[in-house]
Amino acid sequence: MCRAVDLEQAVLAKNDRSAEALRTELAARGTAVVNLLSSPGSGKTALLEAELQHARRRGVPAAALTADLATENDAVRLARAGLPVRQVHTDGLCHLEAGMLRGHLEGWLPADTRLLFVENVGNLVCPASYDLGETLRVALASVTEGEDKPLKYPTAFGLAQLVVVTKNDLAEAVDFDREGFLRNVRQVNPGVEVLFTSVRTGEGGGGLLDRALAAADGGTVHAPVMARTVAMDGHHHGPAAGHGHAQTHDHDHAHRHGHAHRHGHAHGDGNGQAHGHLHTPASAQAPAPAPGPAEHTPR
């Protein structure tokens, strides 16, 4: 057990270094990363598609990278917004890591990209422990998931700098306890903003984009209380101090759900970095101007 814990710490420490280097590189070129975390079926893709459409209409240079264990469905949907989109298959890995993200950005991400939205794997456990070099970390939950979601997944919601509630048009139909949800969010992450949205009615439309742009422009970003708590094992990871959100969270909590993160590292390269496979649907392909990974080209 001790060796497993040591391995987890080593993997996370390496990821932290990669994340900080990536954050510095992207900041130098004026690009901010928005890391979106949620359960499967939360409406994350629908919301992101709508926000990308807002970005295009407003002339904001944005792009999206979406990660899934299989299928290209999300990338095909997101490409309808008319902005650069890339699909990453993680080969069963339950989360993205900073090294994986860096590898998929090289030679693809347009130089003038202001915002890169990363749709993480649908999972509120594993992704919560991995910094991707983000400027803004967002946890999403739909009203259909119930008001106790923040209490069930305190690491994901406790480290969020913004919480987004989706499918709010269904709140009454599913008897969603709005005040109860807000109390539960405040319990794990005091002071974090909660944004209510509905893609169907347009409620909150453009709100995520506004907050992402504010963070990219150096605005104040919420600093979660959990991020300032010394982890039980003494290991610090997450977005680094100086970006408004130093994240030091509790490995004991984040990893005691039976998810051995090291299982995904069988796909590593010579440097020990895990890599998922890039897949580009034929329906969205365009001839590449130079050799390199293919990309989704909106029609």
C-alpha atoms as a PDB file:
ATOM      1  CA  MET A   1       0.000   0.000   0.000  1.00  0.00           C
ATOM      2  CA  CYS A   2       2.837   2.370   0.811  1.00  0.00           C
ATOM      3  CA  ARG A   3       4.412   1.760  -2.592  1.00  0.00           C
ATOM      4  CA  ALA A   4       1.097   2.482  -4.314  1.00  0.00           C
ATOM      5  CA  VAL A   5       0.751   5.758  -2.418  1.00  0.00           C
ATOM      6  CA  ASP A   6       4.331   6.703  -3.266  1.00  0.00           C
ATOM      7  CA  LEU A   7       3.658   5.981  -6.940  1.00  0.00           C
ATOM      8  CA  GLU A   8       0.526   8.133  -6.916  1.00  0.00           C
ATOM      9  CA  GLN A   9       2.453  10.992  -5.331  1.00  0.00           C
ATOM     10  CA  ALA A  10       5.241  10.674  -7.896  1.00  0.00           C
ATOM     11  CA  VAL A  11       2.762  10.674 -10.779  1.00  0.00           C
ATOM     12  CA  LEU A  12       0.898  13.690  -9.422  1.00  0.00           C
ATOM     13  CA  ALA A  13       4.103  15.581  -8.682  1.00  0.00           C
ATOM     14  CA  LYS A  14       5.278  15.031 -12.250  1.00  0.00           C
ATOM     15  CA  ASN A  15       1.911  16.178 -13.545  1.00  0.00           C
ATOM     16  CA  ASP A  16       2.156  19.327 -11.429  1.00  0.00           C
ATOM     17  CA  ARG A  17       5.489  20.222 -13.004  1.00  0.00           C
ATOM     18  CA  SER A  18       4.124  19.628 -16.493  1.00  0.00           C
ATOM     19  CA  ALA A  19       1.009  21.663 -15.700  1.00  0.00           C
ATOM     20  CA  GLU A  20       2.966  24.646 -14.418  1.00  0.00           C
ATOM     21  CA  ALA A  21       5.244  24.606 -17.458  1.00  0.00           C
ATOM     22  CA  LEU A  22       2.233  24.411 -19.786  1.00  0.00           C
ATOM     23  CA  ARG A  23       0.452  27.231 -17.950  1.00  0.00           C
ATOM     24  CA  THR A  24       3.522  29.440 -18.318  1.00  0.00           C
ATOM     25  CA  GLU A  25       3.903  28.651 -22.028  1.00  0.00           C
ATOM     26  CA  LEU A  26       0.246  29.275 -22.816  1.00  0.00           C
ATOM     27  CA  ALA A  27       0.154  32.481 -20.782  1.00  0.00           C
ATOM     28  CA  ALA A  28       3.133  33.773 -22.771  1.00  0.00           C
ATOM     29  CA  ARG A  29       1.128  33.386 -25.971  1.00  0.00           C
ATOM     30  CA  GLY A  30      -2.037  34.820 -24.435  1.00  0.00           C
ATOM     31  CA  THR A  31      -4.018  31.590 -24.126  1.00  0.00           C
ATOM     32  CA  ALA A  32      -6.051  30.642 -21.054  1.00  0.00           C
ATOM     33  CA  VAL A  33      -7.306  27.121 -20.350  1.00  0.00           C
ATOM     34  CA  VAL A  34     -10.759  26.428 -18.925  1.00  0.00           C
ATOM     35  CA  ASN A  35     -10.985  22.926 -17.409  1.00  0.00           C
ATOM     36  CA  LEU A  36     -14.574  21.592 -17.340  1.00  0.00           C
ATOM     37  CA  LEU A  37     -15.363  18.712 -14.966  1.00  0.00           C
ATOM     38  CA  SER A  38     -18.670  16.903 -14.533  1.00  0.00           C
ATOM     39  CA  SER A  39     -20.407  13.550 -14.387  1.00  0.00           C
ATOM     40  CA  PRO A  40     -21.526  11.892 -17.626  1.00  0.00           C
ATOM     41  CA  GLY A  41     -24.852  13.264 -18.831  1.00  0.00           C
ATOM     42  CA  SER A  42     -24.601  16.608 -17.049  1.00  0.00           C
ATOM     43  CA  GLY A  43     -25.125  18.594 -20.239  1.00  0.00           C
ATOM     44  CA  LYS A  44     -21.504  19.717 -20.379  1.00  0.00           C
ATOM     45  CA  THR A  45     -21.187  19.270 -24.144  1.00  0.00           C
ATOM     46  CA  ALA A  46     -24.430  21.088 -24.878  1.00  0.00           C
ATOM     47  CA  LEU A  47     -23.390  24.011 -22.701  1.00  0.00           C
ATOM     48  CA  LEU A  48     -19.920  24.134 -24.247  1.00  0.00           C
ATOM     49  CA  GLU A  49     -21.371  24.119 -27.761  1.00  0.00           C
ATOM     50  CA  ALA A  50     -23.588  27.073 -26.850  1.00  0.00           C
ATOM     51  CA  GLU A  51     -20.671  28.961 -25.277  1.00  0.00           C
ATOM     52  CA  LEU A  52     -18.511  28.355 -28.355  1.00  0.00           C
ATOM     53  CA  GLN A  53     -21.309  29.801 -30.471  1.00  0.00           C
ATOM     54  CA  HIS A  54     -21.336  32.880 -28.227  1.00  0.00           C
ATOM     55  CA  ALA A  55     -17.551  33.124 -28.645  1.00  0.00           C
ATOM     56  CA  ARG A  56     -17.792  32.951 -32.429  1.00  0.00           C
ATOM     57  CA  ARG A  57     -20.516  35.604 -32.607  1.00  0.00           C
ATOM     58  CA  ARG A  58     -18.499  37.891 -30.370  1.00  0.00           C
ATOM     59  CA  GLY A  59     -15.278  37.354 -32.277  1.00  0.00           C
ATOM     60  CA  VAL A  60     -13.444  35.648 -29.395  1.00  0.00           C
ATOM     61  CA  PRO A  61     -10.689  33.315 -30.678  1.00  0.00           C
ATOM     62  CA  ALA A  62     -11.608  30.099 -28.863  1.00  0.00           C
ATOM     63  CA  ALA A  63     -11.032  26.379 -29.337  1.00  0.00           C
ATOM     64  CA  ALA A  64     -12.138  23.190 -27.622  1.00  0.00           C
ATOM     65  CA  LEU A  65     -10.504  19.879 -26.825  1.00  0.00           C
ATOM     66  CA  THR A  66     -12.851  17.130 -25.691  1.00  0.00           C
ATOM     67  CA  ALA A  67     -11.766  13.874 -24.066  1.00  0.00           C
ATOM     68  CA  ASP A  68     -13.676  10.599 -24.027  1.00  0.00           C
ATOM     69  CA  LEU A  69     -12.912   6.935 -23.582  1.00  0.00           C
ATOM     70  CA  ALA A  70     -14.542   6.255 -26.963  1.00  0.00           C
ATOM     71  CA  THR A  71     -16.592   7.797 -29.833  1.00  0.00           C
ATOM     72  CA  GLU A  72     -16.176  11.084 -31.633  1.00  0.00           C
ATOM     73  CA  ASN A  73     -19.703  12.260 -30.863  1.00  0.00           C
ATOM     74  CA  ASP A  74     -18.802  15.250 -28.716  1.00  0.00           C
ATOM     75  CA  ALA A  75     -16.273  16.643 -31.173  1.00  0.00           C
ATOM     76  CA  VAL A  76     -18.759  16.394 -34.037  1.00  0.00           C
ATOM     77  CA  ARG A  77     -21.303  18.333 -31.966  1.00  0.00           C
ATOM     78  CA  LEU A  78     -18.831  20.980 -30.855  1.00  0.00           C
ATOM     79  CA  ALA A  79     -17.504  21.497 -34.374  1.00  0.00           C
ATOM     80  CA  ARG A  80     -20.930  22.854 -35.347  1.00  0.00           C
ATOM     81  CA  ALA A  81     -20.006  26.047 -33.518  1.00  0.00           C
ATOM     82  CA  GLY A  82     -17.491  26.803 -36.274  1.00  0.00           C
ATOM     83  CA  LEU A  83     -14.362  26.922 -34.090  1.00  0.00           C
ATOM     84  CA  PRO A  84     -11.343  24.574 -33.902  1.00  0.00           C
ATOM     85  CA  VAL A  85     -12.182  21.334 -32.093  1.00  0.00           C
ATOM     86  CA  ARG A  86     -10.112  18.274 -31.307  1.00  0.00           C
ATOM     87  CA  GLN A  87     -11.247  14.901 -29.982  1.00  0.00           C
ATOM     88  CA  VAL A  88      -8.935  12.859 -27.761  1.00  0.00           C
ATOM     89  CA  HIS A  89      -9.513   9.214 -26.922  1.00  0.00           C
ATOM     90  CA  THR A  90      -7.936   8.300 -23.588  1.00  0.00           C
ATOM     91  CA  ASP A  91      -7.775   4.520 -24.102  1.00  0.00           C
ATOM     92  CA  GLY A  92      -9.687   3.866 -20.888  1.00  0.00           C
ATOM     93  CA  LEU A  93      -7.842   6.416 -18.764  1.00  0.00           C
ATOM     94  CA  CYS A  94     -10.417   8.155 -16.562  1.00  0.00           C
ATOM     95  CA  HIS A  95      -8.892  11.638 -16.785  1.00  0.00           C
ATOM     96  CA  LEU A  96      -6.648  13.931 -18.763  1.00  0.00           C
ATOM     97  CA  GLU A  97      -3.155  14.859 -17.609  1.00  0.00           C
ATOM     98  CA  ALA A  98      -1.070  17.915 -18.388  1.00  0.00           C
ATOM     99  CA  GLY A  99       1.432  15.973 -20.514  1.00  0.00           C
ATOM    100  CA  MET A 100      -1.363  14.483 -22.590  1.00  0.00           C
ATOM    101  CA  LEU A 101      -2.922  17.895 -23.118  1.00  0.00           C
ATOM    102  CA  ARG A 102       0.387  19.431 -24.172  1.00  0.00           C
ATOM    103  CA  GLY A 103       0.970  16.680 -26.722  1.00  0.00           C
ATOM    104  CA  HIS A 104      -2.388  17.234 -28.362  1.00  0.00           C
ATOM    105  CA  LEU A 105      -1.978  21.010 -28.566  1.00  0.00           C
ATOM    106  CA  GLU A 106       1.319  20.944 -30.427  1.00  0.00           C
ATOM    107  CA  GLY A 107       0.850  21.747 -34.092  1.00  0.00           C
ATOM    108  CA  TRP A 108      -2.922  22.129 -33.705  1.00  0.00           C
ATOM    109  CA  LEU A 109      -3.903  25.010 -31.446  1.00  0.00           C
ATOM    110  CA  PRO A 110      -4.111  28.256 -33.462  1.00  0.00           C
ATOM    111  CA  ALA A 111      -1.558  30.816 -32.326  1.00  0.00           C
ATOM    112  CA  ASP A 112      -4.161  33.494 -31.635  1.00  0.00           C
ATOM    113  CA  THR A 113      -6.360  31.305 -29.396  1.00  0.00           C
ATOM    114  CA  ARG A 114      -7.572  33.347 -26.421  1.00  0.00           C
ATOM    115  CA  LEU A 115      -9.546  30.598 -24.688  1.00  0.00           C
ATOM    116  CA  LEU A 116      -9.055  26.851 -24.814  1.00  0.00           C
ATOM    117  CA  PHE A 117     -11.996  24.962 -23.321  1.00  0.00           C
ATOM    118  CA  VAL A 118     -11.068  21.463 -22.196  1.00  0.00           C
ATOM    119  CA  GLU A 119     -13.988  19.079 -21.762  1.00  0.00           C
ATOM    120  CA  ASN A 120     -12.504  16.548 -19.376  1.00  0.00           C
ATOM    121  CA  VAL A 121     -13.560  12.915 -19.220  1.00  0.00           C
ATOM    122  CA  GLY A 122     -17.023  12.550 -17.672  1.00  0.00           C
ATOM    123  CA  ASN A 123     -15.991  11.703 -14.121  1.00  0.00           C
ATOM    124  CA  LEU A 124     -15.924  13.699 -10.880  1.00  0.00           C
ATOM    125  CA  VAL A 125     -13.272  11.594  -9.102  1.00  0.00           C
ATOM    126  CA  CYS A 126     -10.066  11.122 -11.118  1.00  0.00           C
ATOM    127  CA  PRO A 127      -9.997  14.438 -13.048  1.00  0.00           C
ATOM    128  CA  ALA A 128     -10.295  16.428  -9.813  1.00  0.00           C
ATOM    129  CA  SER A 129      -6.756  15.457  -8.846  1.00  0.00           C
ATOM    130  CA  TYR A 130      -5.008  16.566 -12.033  1.00  0.00           C
ATOM    131  CA  ASP A 131      -4.009  20.128 -12.811  1.00  0.00           C
ATOM    132  CA  LEU A 132      -4.057  20.758 -16.565  1.00  0.00           C
ATOM    133  CA  GLY A 133      -2.374  24.128 -16.413  1.00  0.00           C
ATOM    134  CA  GLU A 134      -5.790  25.747 -16.341  1.00  0.00           C
ATOM    135  CA  THR A 135      -6.595  29.356 -15.612  1.00  0.00           C
ATOM    136  CA  LEU A 136     -10.150  28.513 -14.573  1.00  0.00           C
ATOM    137  CA  ARG A 137     -11.478  25.236 -13.162  1.00  0.00           C
ATOM    138  CA  VAL A 138     -15.225  24.688 -13.495  1.00  0.00           C
ATOM    139  CA  ALA A 139     -17.370  21.988 -11.886  1.00  0.00           C
ATOM    140  CA  LEU A 140     -20.749  21.356 -13.473  1.00  0.00           C
ATOM    141  CA  ALA A 141     -23.846  19.551 -12.216  1.00  0.00           C
ATOM    142  CA  SER A 142     -27.313  19.277 -13.713  1.00  0.00           C
ATOM    143  CA  VAL A 143     -30.470  19.731 -11.674  1.00  0.00           C
ATOM    144  CA  THR A 144     -31.350  16.119 -12.514  1.00  0.00           C
ATOM    145  CA  GLU A 145     -28.373  14.898 -10.481  1.00  0.00           C
ATOM    146  CA  GLY A 146     -29.739  16.201  -7.170  1.00  0.00           C
ATOM    147  CA  GLU A 147     -28.686  18.840  -4.703  1.00  0.00           C
ATOM    148  CA  ASP A 148     -26.263  16.599  -2.798  1.00  0.00           C
ATOM    149  CA  LYS A 149     -23.733  16.290  -5.644  1.00  0.00           C
ATOM    150  CA  PRO A 150     -21.214  18.695  -4.022  1.00  0.00           C
ATOM    151  CA  LEU A 151     -21.240  16.641  -0.810  1.00  0.00           C
ATOM    152  CA  LYS A 152     -20.724  13.383  -2.682  1.00  0.00           C
ATOM    153  CA  TYR A 153     -17.795  14.803  -4.656  1.00  0.00           C
ATOM    154  CA  PRO A 154     -16.231  17.396  -2.353  1.00  0.00           C
ATOM    155  CA  THR A 155     -12.840  17.413  -4.072  1.00  0.00           C
ATOM    156  CA  ALA A 156     -14.257  18.233  -7.505  1.00  0.00           C
ATOM    157  CA  PHE A 157     -16.582  20.917  -6.172  1.00  0.00           C
ATOM    158  CA  GLY A 158     -14.252  22.024  -3.385  1.00  0.00           C
ATOM    159  CA  LEU A 159     -11.475  22.921  -5.833  1.00  0.00           C
ATOM    160  CA  ALA A 160     -13.725  24.590  -8.397  1.00  0.00           C
ATOM    161  CA  GLN A 161     -13.317  28.295  -9.104  1.00  0.00           C
ATOM    162  CA  LEU A 162     -16.767  28.385 -10.662  1.00  0.00           C
ATOM    163  CA  VAL A 163     -19.746  26.045 -10.272  1.00  0.00           C
ATOM    164  CA  VAL A 164     -22.239  25.792 -13.125  1.00  0.00           C
ATOM    165  CA  VAL A 165     -25.697  24.275 -12.782  1.00  0.00           C
ATOM    166  CA  THR A 166     -27.124  22.995 -16.070  1.00  0.00           C
ATOM    167  CA  LYS A 167     -30.626  22.054 -17.287  1.00  0.00           C
ATOM    168  CA  ASN A 168     -32.212  24.567 -14.937  1.00  0.00           C
ATOM    169  CA  ASP A 169     -35.374  24.498 -17.070  1.00  0.00           C
ATOM    170  CA  LEU A 170     -36.020  21.045 -15.544  1.00  0.00           C
ATOM    171  CA  ALA A 171     -35.589  22.170 -11.937  1.00  0.00           C
ATOM    172  CA  GLU A 172     -39.277  22.240 -11.111  1.00  0.00           C
ATOM    173  CA  ALA A 173     -40.021  18.979 -12.903  1.00  0.00           C
ATOM    174  CA  VAL A 174     -37.380  17.091 -10.911  1.00  0.00           C
ATOM    175  CA  ASP A 175     -38.095  18.952  -7.650  1.00  0.00           C
ATOM    176  CA  PHE A 176     -34.572  20.351  -7.492  1.00  0.00           C
ATOM    177  CA  ASP A 177     -33.794  21.968  -4.136  1.00  0.00           C
ATOM    178  CA  ARG A 178     -31.936  25.090  -5.267  1.00  0.00           C
ATOM    179  CA  GLU A 179     -31.279  26.435  -1.780  1.00  0.00           C
ATOM    180  CA  GLY A 180     -30.142  23.031  -0.591  1.00  0.00           C
ATOM    181  CA  PHE A 181     -27.682  22.817  -3.478  1.00  0.00           C
ATOM    182  CA  LEU A 182     -26.310  26.264  -2.681  1.00  0.00           C
ATOM    183  CA  ARG A 183     -25.871  25.327   0.982  1.00  0.00           C
ATOM    184  CA  ASN A 184     -24.002  22.181  -0.003  1.00  0.00           C
ATOM    185  CA  VAL A 185     -21.721  24.106  -2.361  1.00  0.00           C
ATOM    186  CA  ARG A 186     -20.966  26.650   0.355  1.00  0.00           C
ATOM    187  CA  GLN A 187     -20.142  23.816   2.744  1.00  0.00           C
ATOM    188  CA  VAL A 188     -17.336  22.462   0.553  1.00  0.00           C
ATOM    189  CA  ASN A 189     -16.321  25.696  -1.205  1.00  0.00           C
ATOM    190  CA  PRO A 190     -17.326  28.899   0.609  1.00  0.00           C
ATOM    191  CA  GLY A 191     -17.579  31.948  -1.615  1.00  0.00           C
ATOM    192  CA  VAL A 192     -17.504  30.226  -5.013  1.00  0.00           C
ATOM    193  CA  GLU A 193     -19.905  31.638  -7.595  1.00  0.00           C
ATOM    194  CA  VAL A 194     -22.742  29.383  -8.771  1.00  0.00           C
ATOM    195  CA  LEU A 195     -24.060  30.073 -12.269  1.00  0.00           C
ATOM    196  CA  PHE A 196     -27.462  28.660 -13.250  1.00  0.00           C
ATOM    197  CA  THR A 197     -27.911  27.847 -16.938  1.00  0.00           C
ATOM    198  CA  SER A 198     -30.274  26.274 -19.422  1.00  0.00           C
ATOM    199  CA  VAL A 199     -29.274  25.713 -23.026  1.00  0.00           C
ATOM    200  CA  ARG A 200     -32.922  25.161 -23.904  1.00  0.00           C
ATOM    201  CA  THR A 201     -34.164  28.524 -22.595  1.00  0.00           C
ATOM    202  CA  GLY A 202     -30.920  30.463 -22.967  1.00  0.00           C
ATOM    203  CA  GLU A 203     -30.672  31.189 -19.231  1.00  0.00           C
ATOM    204  CA  GLY A 204     -27.117  32.130 -18.291  1.00  0.00           C
ATOM    205  CA  GLY A 205     -26.029  32.041 -21.933  1.00  0.00           C
ATOM    206  CA  GLY A 206     -22.555  33.514 -22.397  1.00  0.00           C
ATOM    207  CA  GLY A 207     -21.954  33.533 -18.651  1.00  0.00           C
ATOM    208  CA  LEU A 208     -19.220  30.909 -18.760  1.00  0.00           C
ATOM    209  CA  LEU A 209     -17.552  32.746 -21.625  1.00  0.00           C
ATOM    210  CA  ASP A 210     -17.677  36.041 -19.702  1.00  0.00           C
ATOM    211  CA  ARG A 211     -16.055  34.511 -16.634  1.00  0.00           C
ATOM    212  CA  ALA A 212     -13.421  32.720 -18.694  1.00  0.00           C
ATOM    213  CA  LEU A 213     -12.499  35.964 -20.442  1.00  0.00           C
ATOM    214  CA  ALA A 214     -12.307  37.795 -17.122  1.00  0.00           C
ATOM    215  CA  ALA A 215      -9.922  35.147 -15.786  1.00  0.00           C
ATOM    216  CA  ALA A 216      -7.873  35.271 -18.988  1.00  0.00           C
ATOM    217  CA  ASP A 217      -7.580  39.036 -18.664  1.00  0.00           C
ATOM    218  CA  GLY A 218      -6.109  38.722 -15.178  1.00  0.00           C
ATOM    219  CA  GLY A 219      -9.282  39.308 -13.202  1.00  0.00           C
ATOM    220  CA  THR A 220      -9.692  37.992  -9.684  1.00  0.00           C
ATOM    221  CA  VAL A 221     -10.321  34.262  -9.654  1.00  0.00           C
ATOM    222  CA  HIS A 222     -11.936  32.533  -6.697  1.00  0.00           C
ATOM    223  CA  ALA A 223      -9.395  30.813  -4.412  1.00  0.00           C
ATOM    224  CA  PRO A 224     -11.045  27.712  -2.909  1.00  0.00           C
ATOM    225  CA  VAL A 225     -10.566  27.160   0.808  1.00  0.00           C
ATOM    226  CA  MET A 226      -9.644  23.538   0.127  1.00  0.00           C
ATOM    227  CA  ALA A 227      -6.790  24.743  -2.061  1.00  0.00           C
ATOM    228  CA  ARG A 228      -5.221  26.442   0.939  1.00  0.00           C
ATOM    229  CA  THR A 229      -5.481  23.376   3.149  1.00  0.00           C
ATOM    230  CA  VAL A 230      -2.325  21.344   3.641  1.00  0.00           C
ATOM    231  CA  ALA A 231      -2.885  17.829   2.355  1.00  0.00           C
ATOM    232  CA  MET A 232      -2.672  15.015   4.899  1.00  0.00           C
ATOM    233  CA  ASP A 233       0.232  13.443   3.037  1.00  0.00           C
ATOM    234  CA  GLY A 234       2.028  16.767   2.614  1.00  0.00           C
ATOM    235  CA  HIS A 235       1.943  16.688  -1.181  1.00  0.00           C
ATOM    236  CA  HIS A 236       0.895  19.876  -2.910  1.00  0.00           C
ATOM    237  CA  HIS A 237      -0.562  19.892  -6.388  1.00  0.00           C
ATOM    238  CA  GLY A 238      -2.940  21.808  -8.589  1.00  0.00           C
ATOM    239  CA  PRO A 239      -2.674  25.184 -10.316  1.00  0.00           C
ATOM    240  CA  ALA A 240       0.187  27.095  -8.834  1.00  0.00           C
ATOM    241  CA  ALA A 241       0.119  30.175  -6.650  1.00  0.00           C
ATOM    242  CA  GLY A 242       0.396  33.389  -8.547  1.00  0.00           C
ATOM    243  CA  HIS A 243      -2.545  32.526 -10.777  1.00  0.00           C
ATOM    244  CA  GLY A 244      -5.146  33.257  -8.155  1.00  0.00           C
ATOM    245  CA  HIS A 245      -5.839  29.646  -7.315  1.00  0.00           C
ATOM    246  CA  ALA A 246      -3.137  27.692  -5.551  1.00  0.00           C
ATOM    247  CA  GLN A 247      -4.586  24.217  -5.155  1.00  0.00           C
ATOM    248  CA  THR A 248      -3.333  21.924  -2.428  1.00  0.00           C
ATOM    249  CA  HIS A 249      -5.843  19.203  -1.887  1.00  0.00           C
ATOM    250  CA  ASP A 250      -6.297  16.076   0.108  1.00  0.00           C
ATOM    251  CA  HIS A 251      -4.929  12.983  -1.589  1.00  0.00           C
ATOM    252  CA  ASP A 252      -6.517  10.808   1.030  1.00  0.00           C
ATOM    253  CA  HIS A 253      -9.940  11.969  -0.036  1.00  0.00           C
ATOM    254  CA  ALA A 254      -9.241  12.278  -3.719  1.00  0.00           C
ATOM    255  CA  HIS A 255      -7.911   8.742  -4.097  1.00  0.00           C
ATOM    256  CA  ARG A 256      -9.743   6.550  -1.615  1.00  0.00           C
ATOM    257  CA  HIS A 257     -12.566   5.850  -4.033  1.00  0.00           C
ATOM    258  CA  GLY A 258     -10.798   2.842  -5.455  1.00  0.00           C
ATOM    259  CA  HIS A 259      -9.505   4.538  -8.597  1.00  0.00           C
ATOM    260  CA  ALA A 260      -5.860   3.531  -8.969  1.00  0.00           C
ATOM    261  CA  HIS A 261      -4.660   6.280 -11.289  1.00  0.00           C
ATOM    262  CA  ARG A 262      -1.527   4.426 -12.199  1.00  0.00           C
ATOM    263  CA  HIS A 263      -3.517   2.015 -14.387  1.00  0.00           C
ATOM    264  CA  GLY A 264      -3.503   4.480 -17.261  1.00  0.00           C
ATOM    265  CA  HIS A 265       0.247   4.886 -17.353  1.00  0.00           C
ATOM    266  CA  ALA A 266       0.731   1.695 -19.304  1.00  0.00           C
ATOM    267  CA  HIS A 267       0.385   3.955 -22.333  1.00  0.00           C
ATOM    268  CA  GLY A 268       3.434   6.028 -21.399  1.00  0.00           C
ATOM    269  CA  ASP A 269       6.310   7.094 -23.563  1.00  0.00           C
ATOM    270  CA  GLY A 270       9.971   7.017 -22.794  1.00  0.00           C
ATOM    271  CA  ASN A 271       9.542   9.965 -20.475  1.00  0.00           C
ATOM    272  CA  GLY A 272       6.835   8.296 -18.462  1.00  0.00           C
ATOM    273  CA  GLN A 273       4.018  10.466 -19.808  1.00  0.00           C
ATOM    274  CA  ALA A 274       0.642   8.907 -20.485  1.00  0.00           C
ATOM    275  CA  HIS A 275      -0.865   9.474 -23.922  1.00  0.00           C
ATOM    276  CA  GLY A 276      -4.360   9.011 -25.271  1.00  0.00           C
ATOM    277  CA  HIS A 277      -5.107   8.534 -28.949  1.00  0.00           C
ATOM    278  CA  LEU A 278      -6.284  11.373 -31.150  1.00  0.00           C
ATOM    279  CA  HIS A 279      -9.212  10.534 -33.423  1.00  0.00           C
ATOM    280  CA  THR A 280     -10.689  12.736 -36.099  1.00  0.00           C
ATOM    281  CA  PRO A 281     -14.113  11.846 -37.542  1.00  0.00           C
ATOM    282  CA  ALA A 282     -14.223  11.697 -41.313  1.00  0.00           C
ATOM    283  CA  SER A 283     -17.240  13.985 -41.321  1.00  0.00           C
ATOM    284  CA  ALA A 284     -15.165  16.816 -39.880  1.00  0.00           C
ATOM    285  CA  GLN A 285     -11.771  16.245 -41.465  1.00  0.00           C
ATOM    286  CA  ALA A 286      -9.962  18.663 -43.743  1.00  0.00           C
ATOM    287  CA  PRO A 287      -6.623  18.231 -45.526  1.00  0.00           C
ATOM    288  CA  ALA A 288      -3.789  19.214 -43.229  1.00  0.00           C
ATOM    289  CA  PRO A 289      -1.457  21.945 -44.500  1.00  0.00           C
ATOM    290  CA  ALA A 290       1.521  20.072 -43.092  1.00  0.00           C
ATOM    291  CA  PRO A 291       2.201  16.636 -41.567  1.00  0.00           C
ATOM    292  CA  GLY A 292       0.858  16.242 -38.054  1.00  0.00           C
ATOM    293  CA  PRO A 293      -2.296  15.258 -36.133  1.00  0.00           C
ATOM    294  CA  ALA A 294      -5.585  15.817 -37.919  1.00  0.00           C
ATOM    295  CA  GLU A 295      -8.167  18.195 -36.534  1.00  0.00           C
ATOM    296  CA  HIS A 296     -11.868  18.964 -36.652  1.00  0.00           C
ATOM    297  CA  THR A 297     -12.511  21.627 -39.230  1.00  0.00           C
ATOM    298  CA  PRO A 298     -15.926  23.235 -38.785  1.00  0.00           C
ATOM    299  CA  ARG A 299     -17.972  23.544 -41.931  1.00  0.00           C
END
